[in-house]
């Protein structure tokens, strides 16, 4: 069974020009996790976050969203972000 996506390098080698179209691109996902300061507010700048750990979700290098976690639910929240 052949896969249905290309890296940019493979696309250049096979097609020879242009960027890989979105429908043939392999999506890359990653998260950034950072510990928040004790008095730091959530992204809206007004409310307290739901946890002391900030999770930012990225797709193909573009920030797509995120949320907050505690030490108790951090693994669960990261799994949710990467599996969606």
Protein backbone atom coordinates (compact mmCIF):
# COMPACT_ATOMS: atom_id res chain seq x y z
CA UNK A 1 0.00 0.00 0.00
CA UNK A 2 1.48 3.35 -0.97
CA UNK A 3 1.22 6.34 1.30
CA UNK A 4 -0.64 9.42 0.15
CA UNK A 5 1.63 12.20 1.44
CA UNK A 6 4.97 13.78 0.50
CA UNK A 7 7.70 15.68 2.27
CA UNK A 8 8.82 18.85 0.48
CA UNK A 9 12.06 17.11 -0.50
CA UNK A 10 10.18 14.18 -2.06
CA UNK A 11 7.80 16.54 -3.86
CA UNK A 12 10.74 18.44 -5.34
CA UNK A 13 12.30 15.19 -6.52
CA UNK A 14 9.08 13.71 -8.00
CA UNK A 15 7.23 16.78 -9.29
CA UNK A 16 10.14 19.17 -9.64
CA UNK A 17 8.46 22.46 -8.76
CA UNK A 18 6.26 24.27 -6.23
CA UNK A 19 5.24 23.54 -2.69
CA UNK A 20 3.46 20.37 -1.64
CA UNK A 21 -0.31 21.02 -1.94
CA UNK A 22 -2.19 20.79 1.34
CA UNK A 23 -4.01 17.59 0.35
CA UNK A 24 -0.66 15.79 -0.19
CA UNK A 25 1.26 17.30 2.71
CA UNK A 26 2.02 15.33 5.83
CA UNK A 27 0.66 17.34 8.71
CA UNK A 28 3.02 17.76 11.60
CA UNK A 29 1.68 18.42 15.06
CA UNK A 30 3.53 19.41 18.18
CA UNK A 31 2.82 21.02 21.51
CA UNK A 32 4.78 23.48 23.62
CA UNK A 33 4.41 23.19 27.36
CA UNK A 34 5.38 25.94 29.78
CA UNK A 35 5.01 26.48 33.48
CA UNK A 36 3.08 29.65 34.26
CA UNK A 37 4.01 32.20 36.90
CA UNK A 38 2.07 32.26 40.16
CA UNK A 39 0.14 35.46 39.34
CA UNK A 40 0.02 35.05 35.55
CA UNK A 41 -3.40 35.43 33.91
CA UNK A 42 -4.82 33.33 31.09
CA UNK A 43 -4.52 34.37 27.44
CA UNK A 44 -7.50 36.74 27.70
CA UNK A 45 -5.53 38.77 30.25
CA UNK A 46 -8.44 38.90 32.70
CA UNK A 47 -9.12 35.51 34.24
CA UNK A 48 -7.12 32.93 36.14
CA UNK A 49 -6.22 29.87 34.03
CA UNK A 50 -7.63 26.41 34.77
CA UNK A 51 -4.15 25.14 35.62
CA UNK A 52 -0.59 26.28 36.16
CA UNK A 53 0.74 24.70 32.96
CA UNK A 54 0.10 26.23 29.54
CA UNK A 55 -0.18 23.95 26.49
CA UNK A 56 0.09 25.49 23.02
CA UNK A 57 -0.89 23.36 20.01
CA UNK A 58 0.81 23.76 16.62
CA UNK A 59 0.11 22.29 13.18
CA UNK A 60 2.77 22.70 10.50
CA UNK A 61 4.46 25.34 12.65
CA UNK A 62 1.31 27.46 13.00
CA UNK A 63 -0.19 28.09 16.44
CA UNK A 64 -3.69 26.57 16.38
CA UNK A 65 -4.84 26.72 19.98
CA UNK A 66 -4.16 25.26 23.37
CA UNK A 67 -5.27 25.19 26.93
CA UNK A 68 -4.20 24.79 30.51
CA UNK A 69 -3.40 21.77 32.63
CA UNK A 70 -2.32 20.76 36.10
CA UNK A 71 0.30 18.18 37.00
CA UNK A 72 -2.55 15.73 37.61
CA UNK A 73 -4.01 15.94 34.08
CA UNK A 74 -1.01 17.03 31.99
CA UNK A 75 -0.45 13.71 30.20
CA UNK A 76 -4.15 13.38 29.39
CA UNK A 77 -4.31 16.94 27.99
CA UNK A 78 -1.20 16.45 25.82
CA UNK A 79 -2.62 13.19 24.43
CA UNK A 80 -5.88 14.99 23.59
CA UNK A 81 -4.00 17.75 21.76
CA UNK A 82 -1.94 15.35 19.66
CA UNK A 83 -4.70 12.86 18.84
CA UNK A 84 -7.28 15.33 17.53
